[in-house]
Protein backbone atom coordinates (compact mmCIF):
# COMPACT_ATOMS: atom_id res chain seq x y z
CA UNK A 1 111.69 2.29 288.77
CA UNK A 2 113.24 5.70 290.07
CA UNK A 3 116.63 6.27 288.55
CA UNK A 4 118.54 9.37 289.42
CA UNK A 5 119.66 11.97 287.02
CA UNK A 6 123.38 13.32 286.35
CA UNK A 7 124.88 15.76 288.86
CA UNK A 8 125.28 18.47 286.13
CA UNK A 9 123.72 19.39 282.84
CA UNK A 10 124.56 21.70 279.68
CA UNK A 11 122.42 22.79 277.06
CA UNK A 12 122.83 20.52 274.00
CA UNK A 13 121.74 23.46 271.58
CA UNK A 14 119.54 21.23 269.90
CA UNK A 15 115.91 21.73 270.37
CA UNK A 16 114.30 18.58 270.62
CA UNK A 17 117.19 16.98 272.59
CA UNK A 18 117.29 19.89 275.47
CA UNK A 19 119.97 19.36 278.15
CA UNK A 20 122.63 16.47 278.31
CA UNK A 21 125.03 15.59 280.96
CA UNK A 22 127.82 18.17 281.03
CA UNK A 23 130.67 15.62 280.18
CA UNK A 24 128.70 14.32 276.95
CA UNK A 25 129.37 15.57 273.37
CA UNK A 26 126.99 16.26 270.70
CA UNK A 27 128.04 15.07 267.27
CA UNK A 28 126.42 14.71 263.85
CA UNK A 29 125.72 11.22 262.63
CA UNK A 30 128.20 11.59 259.57
CA UNK A 31 131.14 12.14 261.87
CA UNK A 32 130.36 8.79 263.89
CA UNK A 33 130.24 6.20 260.86
CA UNK A 34 129.78 5.61 257.28
CA UNK A 35 126.62 5.73 255.78
CA UNK A 36 125.61 4.10 252.27
CA UNK A 37 122.59 2.68 250.51
CA UNK A 38 122.45 -0.83 248.95
CA UNK A 39 121.86 -1.73 245.16
CA UNK A 40 119.15 -4.28 245.57
CA UNK A 41 115.40 -4.34 244.80
CA UNK A 42 112.46 -6.13 246.32
CA UNK A 43 112.20 -8.47 243.42
CA UNK A 44 115.81 -9.90 244.55
CA UNK A 45 114.35 -11.74 247.47
CA UNK A 46 114.63 -15.27 247.66
CA UNK A 47 112.03 -17.29 249.72
CA UNK A 48 114.98 -19.53 251.30
CA UNK A 49 117.86 -17.48 250.60
CA UNK A 50 121.15 -17.86 252.42
CA UNK A 51 121.42 -14.52 253.81
CA UNK A 52 119.22 -11.77 255.57
CA UNK A 53 117.83 -9.30 252.95
CA UNK A 54 117.14 -5.75 254.69
CA UNK A 55 114.28 -3.93 252.87
CA UNK A 56 112.00 -1.02 254.31
CA UNK A 57 110.23 -2.88 256.57
CA UNK A 58 110.42 -4.69 260.13
CA UNK A 59 110.02 -7.98 258.05
CA UNK A 60 113.64 -9.22 257.21
CA UNK A 61 113.69 -10.94 253.66
CA UNK A 62 116.17 -13.73 252.49
CA UNK A 63 118.62 -13.71 249.48
CA UNK A 64 121.43 -15.52 248.15
CA UNK A 65 124.02 -12.83 247.98
CA UNK A 66 125.72 -10.38 250.47
CA UNK A 67 127.01 -7.08 250.11
CA UNK A 68 128.44 -6.57 253.38
CA UNK A 69 129.88 -8.68 256.28
CA UNK A 70 130.19 -7.02 259.63
CA UNK A 71 128.15 -4.99 262.28
CA UNK A 72 125.84 -2.43 260.99
CA UNK A 73 122.86 -0.68 261.67
CA UNK A 74 120.09 -0.56 258.90
CA UNK A 75 116.90 1.79 258.47
CA UNK A 76 114.44 2.37 255.99
CA UNK A 77 115.21 5.58 253.24
CA UNK A 78 111.53 5.74 252.20
CA UNK A 79 108.04 4.32 252.81
CA UNK A 80 106.20 3.85 255.80
CA UNK A 81 109.22 2.57 257.90
CA UNK A 82 110.88 5.92 257.64
CA UNK A 83 111.90 7.01 261.36
CA UNK A 84 110.52 3.96 262.55
CA UNK A 85 112.32 0.86 261.53
CA UNK A 86 115.83 0.20 262.54
CA UNK A 87 117.96 -3.19 262.58
CA UNK A 88 121.28 -3.88 264.54
CA UNK A 89 123.12 -7.00 262.75
CA UNK A 90 126.31 -8.50 262.59
CA UNK A 91 127.22 -10.93 259.70
CA UNK A 92 126.86 -11.44 256.35
CA UNK A 93 123.79 -9.49 254.68
CA UNK A 94 122.46 -7.61 251.69
CA UNK A 95 120.27 -4.60 251.63
CA UNK A 96 117.68 -2.56 249.65
CA UNK A 97 118.63 0.54 247.47
CA UNK A 98 116.40 2.58 249.70
CA UNK A 99 117.78 1.45 252.90
CA UNK A 100 120.65 3.25 254.59
CA UNK A 101 123.35 1.23 256.09
CA UNK A 102 125.60 2.60 259.17
CA UNK A 103 129.00 0.84 259.47
CA UNK A 104 132.63 1.39 260.43
CA UNK A 105 131.53 3.21 263.85
CA UNK A 106 134.00 5.57 265.20
CA UNK A 107 133.82 6.40 268.92
CA UNK A 108 130.55 5.09 269.16
CA UNK A 109 129.31 1.47 270.17
CA UNK A 110 127.14 0.15 267.39
CA UNK A 111 124.58 -1.09 269.84
CA UNK A 112 124.42 2.20 271.42
CA UNK A 113 123.83 4.23 268.30
CA UNK A 114 121.00 1.63 267.49
CA UNK A 115 119.29 2.24 270.55
CA UNK A 116 119.61 6.10 270.32
CA UNK A 117 118.39 6.35 266.78
CA UNK A 118 115.65 3.95 267.39
CA UNK A 119 114.43 5.74 270.18
CA UNK A 120 114.70 9.45 268.88
CA UNK A 121 115.31 9.41 264.91
CA UNK A 122 111.39 9.37 264.48
CA UNK A 123 111.10 12.85 266.27
CA UNK A 124 112.44 14.47 263.32
CA UNK A 125 112.62 11.83 260.70
CA UNK A 126 110.22 13.61 258.41
CA UNK A 127 111.17 16.96 258.85
CA UNK A 128 112.03 18.39 255.36
CA UNK A 129 110.96 14.87 254.13
CA UNK A 130 110.14 14.67 250.28
CA UNK A 131 106.30 14.12 250.26
CA UNK A 132 105.25 12.40 247.17
CA UNK A 133 103.40 8.87 247.07
CA UNK A 134 105.61 7.95 250.17
CA UNK A 135 107.75 9.83 252.64
CA UNK A 136 111.10 9.84 251.66
CA UNK A 137 114.04 10.65 254.05
CA UNK A 138 116.63 13.26 252.75
CA UNK A 139 120.07 12.17 253.13
CA UNK A 140 121.38 15.53 254.78
CA UNK A 141 118.69 15.31 257.37
CA UNK A 142 120.06 11.91 258.26
CA UNK A 143 123.65 12.54 258.09
CA UNK A 144 123.35 15.42 260.18
CA UNK A 145 121.19 14.35 262.88
CA UNK A 146 122.47 15.17 266.38
CA UNK A 147 123.70 12.30 268.57
CA UNK A 148 124.48 12.92 272.43
CA UNK A 149 127.57 10.90 272.84
CA UNK A 150 128.45 9.66 276.33
CA UNK A 151 131.94 8.24 276.95
CA UNK A 152 132.78 4.61 275.83
CA UNK A 153 132.38 2.93 279.24
CA UNK A 154 129.03 4.95 279.91
CA UNK A 155 127.82 3.60 276.31
CA UNK A 156 128.36 0.08 277.36
CA UNK A 157 126.32 0.78 280.69
CA UNK A 158 123.52 2.39 278.67
CA UNK A 159 123.46 -0.74 276.19
CA UNK A 160 123.21 -3.19 279.18
CA UNK A 161 120.58 -1.39 280.81
CA UNK A 162 118.60 -1.21 277.38
CA UNK A 163 119.11 -4.96 276.97
CA UNK A 164 117.89 -5.74 280.31
CA UNK A 165 114.89 -3.54 280.26
CA UNK A 166 114.01 -4.83 276.84
CA UNK A 167 114.04 -8.35 278.00
CA UNK A 168 112.02 -7.69 280.94
CA UNK A 169 109.40 -5.95 279.21
CA UNK A 170 109.48 -8.29 276.20
CA UNK A 171 108.78 -11.05 278.78
CA UNK A 172 105.84 -9.26 280.31
CA UNK A 173 104.41 -8.40 276.93
CA UNK A 174 104.51 -11.89 275.91
CA UNK A 175 102.54 -12.95 278.74
CA UNK A 176 99.89 -10.45 277.91
CA UNK A 177 99.84 -11.89 274.28
CA UNK A 178 99.57 -15.26 275.66
CA UNK A 179 96.49 -14.22 277.79
CA UNK A 180 95.18 -12.72 274.67
CA UNK A 181 95.49 -16.03 272.83
CA UNK A 182 93.80 -18.00 275.78
CA UNK A 183 91.06 -15.47 275.96
CA UNK A 184 90.40 -15.93 272.46
CA UNK A 185 90.43 -19.88 272.53
CA UNK A 186 88.11 -19.55 275.77
CA UNK A 187 85.75 -17.12 274.09
CA UNK A 188 85.28 -19.40 271.13
CA UNK A 189 84.83 -22.61 273.28
CA UNK A 190 82.29 -20.85 275.38
CA UNK A 191 80.15 -19.37 272.32
CA UNK A 192 80.70 -22.56 270.38
CA UNK A 193 79.54 -24.80 273.01
CA UNK A 194 76.27 -22.62 273.52
CA UNK A 195 75.61 -22.42 269.69
CA UNK A 196 75.98 -26.05 269.23
CA UNK A 197 75.06 -27.65 272.49
CA UNK A 198 72.39 -25.07 274.12
CA UNK A 199 72.40 -23.83 277.40
CA UNK A 200 70.66 -26.47 279.07
CA UNK A 201 73.41 -29.25 280.26
CA UNK A 202 70.72 -31.81 281.09
CA UNK A 203 69.13 -31.79 277.57
CA UNK A 204 68.97 -35.31 276.01
CA UNK A 205 71.07 -35.26 273.05
CA UNK A 206 70.83 -36.82 269.46
CA UNK A 207 73.72 -37.38 266.94
CA UNK A 208 73.01 -34.82 264.18
CA UNK A 209 74.43 -36.36 261.64
CA UNK A 210 76.61 -33.51 260.84
CA UNK A 211 80.21 -33.89 261.06
CA UNK A 212 81.04 -30.50 262.45
CA UNK A 213 78.25 -30.31 265.07
CA UNK A 214 78.29 -33.64 266.33
CA UNK A 215 75.50 -34.23 269.02
CA UNK A 216 72.89 -31.71 269.62
CA UNK A 217 69.80 -31.46 271.77
CA UNK A 218 67.12 -33.89 270.79
CA UNK A 219 64.47 -31.44 270.00
CA UNK A 220 66.68 -29.33 267.92
CA UNK A 221 66.26 -29.40 263.98
CA UNK A 222 68.95 -30.19 261.64
CA UNK A 223 68.38 -28.67 258.06
CA UNK A 224 70.09 -27.13 255.16
CA UNK A 225 70.12 -23.42 255.50
CA UNK A 226 68.21 -23.14 252.03
CA UNK A 227 65.17 -24.32 254.09
CA UNK A 228 65.43 -21.60 256.40
CA UNK A 229 66.99 -18.57 254.54
CA UNK A 230 67.19 -17.05 251.28
CA UNK A 231 70.56 -16.66 249.82
CA UNK A 232 71.65 -14.16 247.19
CA UNK A 233 74.87 -13.15 245.30
CA UNK A 234 75.54 -9.76 244.16
CA UNK A 235 77.51 -8.28 241.32
CA UNK A 236 79.66 -5.40 240.27
CA UNK A 237 78.18 -2.74 237.91
CA UNK A 238 80.46 -1.87 235.09
CA UNK A 239 82.55 1.00 236.20
CA UNK A 240 82.70 2.44 232.29
CA UNK A 241 79.07 3.27 232.93
CA UNK A 242 79.25 6.46 234.97
CA UNK A 243 75.54 6.49 235.42
CA UNK A 244 75.92 3.50 237.61
CA UNK A 245 78.19 5.39 239.97
CA UNK A 246 77.75 8.90 239.57
CA UNK A 247 75.80 10.55 242.31
CA UNK A 248 74.64 7.02 243.54
CA UNK A 249 73.24 7.00 247.18
CA UNK A 250 72.54 3.30 247.60
CA UNK A 251 75.19 1.36 249.70
CA UNK A 252 77.00 -1.16 247.43
CA UNK A 253 79.16 -3.58 249.68
CA UNK A 254 82.55 -5.14 248.61
CA UNK A 255 84.34 -8.02 250.49
CA UNK A 256 86.37 -5.88 252.84
CA UNK A 257 83.54 -4.87 254.48
CA UNK A 258 82.62 -7.99 256.13
CA UNK A 259 85.83 -8.01 257.94
CA UNK A 260 84.07 -5.75 260.65
CA UNK A 261 81.13 -6.83 262.67
CA UNK A 262 78.50 -5.66 262.06
CA UNK A 263 79.44 -4.69 258.41
CA UNK A 264 81.38 -1.64 258.16
CA UNK A 265 79.26 1.46 256.52
CA UNK A 266 79.47 1.28 252.94
CA UNK A 267 82.08 3.52 251.08
CA UNK A 268 80.69 2.86 247.57
CA UNK A 269 77.40 3.77 246.23
CA UNK A 270 75.44 2.85 243.31
CA UNK A 271 72.46 4.66 241.39
CA UNK A 272 68.69 3.51 240.73
CA UNK A 273 69.95 2.75 237.08
CA UNK A 274 72.61 0.39 238.22
CA UNK A 275 70.15 -1.30 240.76
CA UNK A 276 67.63 -1.70 237.84
CA UNK A 277 69.86 -2.73 234.82
CA UNK A 278 72.16 -4.94 236.74
CA UNK A 279 69.70 -6.82 238.85
CA UNK A 280 71.46 -5.89 242.02
CA UNK A 281 69.66 -7.44 245.06
CA UNK A 282 68.14 -5.14 247.61
CA UNK A 283 69.02 -6.70 251.25
CA UNK A 284 67.03 -5.75 254.09
CA UNK A 285 68.27 -6.08 257.54
CA UNK A 286 68.73 -8.04 259.48
CA UNK A 287 70.64 -10.30 257.46
CA UNK A 288 73.99 -12.15 257.41
CA UNK A 289 76.73 -11.30 254.93
CA UNK A 290 79.22 -14.16 254.13
CA UNK A 291 82.42 -13.56 251.96
CA UNK A 292 82.53 -16.27 249.29
CA UNK A 293 85.60 -15.68 247.22
CA UNK A 294 89.44 -15.68 247.60
CA UNK A 295 92.16 -17.08 249.36
CA UNK A 296 92.32 -14.48 252.38
CA UNK A 297 90.68 -14.68 255.82
CA UNK A 298 87.47 -12.87 254.26
CA UNK A 299 86.08 -16.19 252.50
CA UNK A 300 83.73 -17.93 254.92
CA UNK A 301 83.56 -14.97 257.39
CA UNK A 302 80.17 -13.95 258.63
CA UNK A 303 79.04 -10.79 259.60
CA UNK A 304 75.75 -9.05 260.74
CA UNK A 305 74.16 -6.54 258.08
CA UNK A 306 71.89 -3.63 260.01
CA UNK A 307 71.45 -1.33 257.26
CA UNK A 308 69.66 -1.64 253.43
CA UNK A 309 72.12 -2.25 250.80
CA UNK A 310 73.11 -4.33 247.82
CA UNK A 311 76.54 -6.10 247.24
CA UNK A 312 79.22 -7.47 245.01
CA UNK A 313 79.79 -10.91 243.63
CA UNK A 314 82.49 -11.73 246.23
CA UNK A 315 79.53 -11.44 248.94
CA UNK A 316 76.39 -13.57 249.81
CA UNK A 317 73.65 -12.37 252.01
CA UNK A 318 71.58 -14.78 254.02
CA UNK A 319 68.08 -13.57 255.02
CA UNK A 320 65.88 -15.84 257.20
CA UNK A 321 62.46 -16.67 255.52
CA UNK A 322 60.55 -16.37 258.92
CA UNK A 323 60.49 -16.79 262.60
CA UNK A 324 62.22 -20.28 262.76
CA UNK A 325 65.76 -18.72 262.37
CA UNK A 326 66.96 -15.82 263.87
CA UNK A 327 69.74 -13.68 261.99
CA UNK A 328 71.79 -13.09 264.89
CA UNK A 329 71.73 -16.95 265.70
CA UNK A 330 72.60 -17.74 262.30
CA UNK A 331 75.78 -15.38 262.38
CA UNK A 332 76.92 -17.33 265.43
CA UNK A 333 76.32 -20.54 263.97
CA UNK A 334 78.21 -19.40 260.74
CA UNK A 335 81.08 -18.12 263.00
CA UNK A 336 81.33 -21.67 264.35
CA UNK A 337 81.24 -23.36 260.97
CA UNK A 338 83.76 -20.76 259.43
CA UNK A 339 87.02 -23.71 259.23
CA UNK A 340 84.46 -26.05 257.66
CA UNK A 341 83.12 -23.82 255.16
CA UNK A 342 86.75 -22.96 254.03
CA UNK A 343 87.66 -26.51 253.95
CA UNK A 344 84.74 -27.41 251.76
CA UNK A 345 85.48 -24.90 249.24
CA UNK A 346 89.06 -25.55 249.11
CA UNK A 347 88.30 -29.21 248.34
CA UNK A 348 86.03 -28.01 245.54
CA UNK A 349 89.36 -28.07 243.45
CA UNK A 350 89.10 -24.30 242.67
CA UNK A 351 92.59 -22.45 242.53
CA UNK A 352 91.04 -19.18 243.65
CA UNK A 353 88.66 -20.70 246.48
CA UNK A 354 85.04 -19.91 246.50
CA UNK A 355 82.02 -20.86 248.32
CA UNK A 356 78.88 -20.72 246.04
CA UNK A 357 75.36 -19.90 247.00
CA UNK A 358 74.37 -23.50 246.27
CA UNK A 359 77.25 -24.73 248.72
CA UNK A 360 75.96 -22.12 251.33
CA UNK A 361 72.27 -23.09 250.91
CA UNK A 362 73.23 -27.18 251.26
CA UNK A 363 75.04 -26.63 254.34
CA UNK A 364 73.16 -28.19 257.23
CA UNK A 365 72.98 -26.11 260.62
CA UNK A 366 71.12 -27.15 263.81
CA UNK A 367 68.09 -24.91 264.69
CA UNK A 368 66.56 -24.77 267.93
CA UNK A 369 63.15 -23.35 268.59
CA UNK A 370 63.02 -19.47 268.41
CA UNK A 371 63.00 -18.68 272.11
CA UNK A 372 66.04 -20.77 272.67
CA UNK A 373 67.68 -19.03 269.82
CA UNK A 374 67.17 -15.74 271.40
CA UNK A 375 68.48 -16.87 274.81
CA UNK A 376 71.69 -18.18 273.10
CA UNK A 377 72.16 -14.98 271.16
CA UNK A 378 71.74 -12.93 274.56
CA UNK A 379 73.99 -15.33 276.41
CA UNK A 380 76.62 -15.12 273.64
CA UNK A 381 76.50 -11.50 273.37
CA UNK A 382 77.01 -11.13 276.91
CA UNK A 383 80.01 -13.48 276.74
CA UNK A 384 81.50 -11.83 273.91
CA UNK A 385 81.28 -8.51 275.57
CA UNK A 386 83.04 -9.80 278.83
CA UNK A 387 85.84 -11.41 276.68
CA UNK A 388 86.17 -8.20 274.66
CA UNK A 389 86.84 -6.01 277.91
CA UNK A 390 89.46 -8.69 279.03
CA UNK A 391 91.08 -8.58 275.77
CA UNK A 392 90.94 -4.68 275.66
CA UNK A 393 92.55 -4.70 279.08
CA UNK A 394 95.29 -6.93 278.06
CA UNK A 395 95.96 -4.99 274.84
CA UNK A 396 96.19 -1.57 276.71
CA UNK A 397 98.77 -3.50 279.06
CA UNK A 398 100.93 -4.22 276.09
CA UNK A 399 100.76 -0.38 274.70
CA UNK A 400 101.64 0.67 278.30
CA UNK A 401 104.51 -1.68 278.51
CA UNK A 402 106.06 -0.68 275.23
CA UNK A 403 105.33 3.09 276.04
CA UNK A 404 107.53 2.30 279.19
CA UNK A 405 110.28 0.43 277.23
CA UNK A 406 110.48 3.60 274.99
CA UNK A 407 110.42 6.02 277.59
CA UNK A 408 113.15 4.39 279.65
CA UNK A 409 115.55 3.75 277.05
CA UNK A 410 115.10 7.09 275.38
CA UNK A 411 115.79 8.62 278.69
CA UNK A 412 118.92 6.43 279.21
CA UNK A 413 120.51 7.28 275.51
CA UNK A 414 119.74 10.84 276.07
CA UNK A 415 121.22 10.99 279.51
CA UNK A 416 117.90 12.25 281.16
CA UNK A 417 118.76 9.06 283.61
CA UNK A 418 121.84 7.96 285.05
CA UNK A 419 122.20 4.31 284.87
CA UNK A 420 125.81 3.91 285.48
CA UNK A 421 126.77 1.30 288.60
CA UNK A 422 127.32 3.30 291.81
CA UNK A 423 131.04 2.89 291.74
CA UNK A 424 131.17 4.29 288.20
CA UNK A 425 129.15 7.57 289.44
CA UNK A 426 131.32 8.16 292.60
């Protein structure tokens, strides 16, 4: 899209803003609206509350009270949302004590001001910010923020332009997001079929006797994991014993590291004293590490371990006993079994949710001959790589679209492009 510039510009006398159309004004935010903060805290949120509750994030909570009823702009006053989180809302709502509410707009459209602030305020949001545990927005910086102000009719044109462009780009982003989900489903289906049915479509099949596997090639074995691999749980050495942790150089893995594949490098290390006195297992690669506790997604997740380490009680390490089972094939199998591992551990009655080493050991899997395992690993690795490339391209397209939206709307609200109808420009 190529849009013209205005015929004449002037210096805004604001460094980051530069030139603005000659007939626009530049005013401080405090002269365009009232600005105040709320008196509620996060703990006042109610899950199914009657009214929106604006806090310091993009997520809008709910609450049973309202402090204002009308048109307003709301933005975070501290935390990670400073300069990034803006809401434009009309109706009854309540808001957090560290959220700024802008209302009673004077000579400015609330919708125009919302787009202007959302696309530009981040440029100076933390200038003079109070650096403590979080970034805090100083009120004078906010109230004195310069706003390039076009005449009312142009404000409406710019709002219409922003609305149309946002709708168009949001639709394109949604298409890419749907594509990513389809790619994810297709990847899962292709890999699952290879791991559970093999690569030969003409192979005779048999009933595995295992619910989640169904039929498998007739020449495959179906065995509990304990007959194919050793399974070991870790522990957490006492933090009060400095000689367990100070100067340690042996990698100790906690549950979060299993979210990466392969397992992310350790960020904590234990000493030989801890290894010895706490009887920590030494796990040699290649092995598969599985999250075994908690309600989050980590429980049941499998990842390859490619370096020697020990681990916490929140993880279990599965090490193939011999050539009958390839560690990389085992990891693929456990990826496919994720839902079933979680379901079985949820059914065990624990409120926390846990998978025991005994349950892992008794979990039955299919085991092809060694040569087939390697062929399946090679095939699924290629498939995963191909889908990763396609997903990365779709993700990059989303980033470019969002950058395009920001650039277009920022240019419109600062007068760098002229979006007025042709008749109005004459």
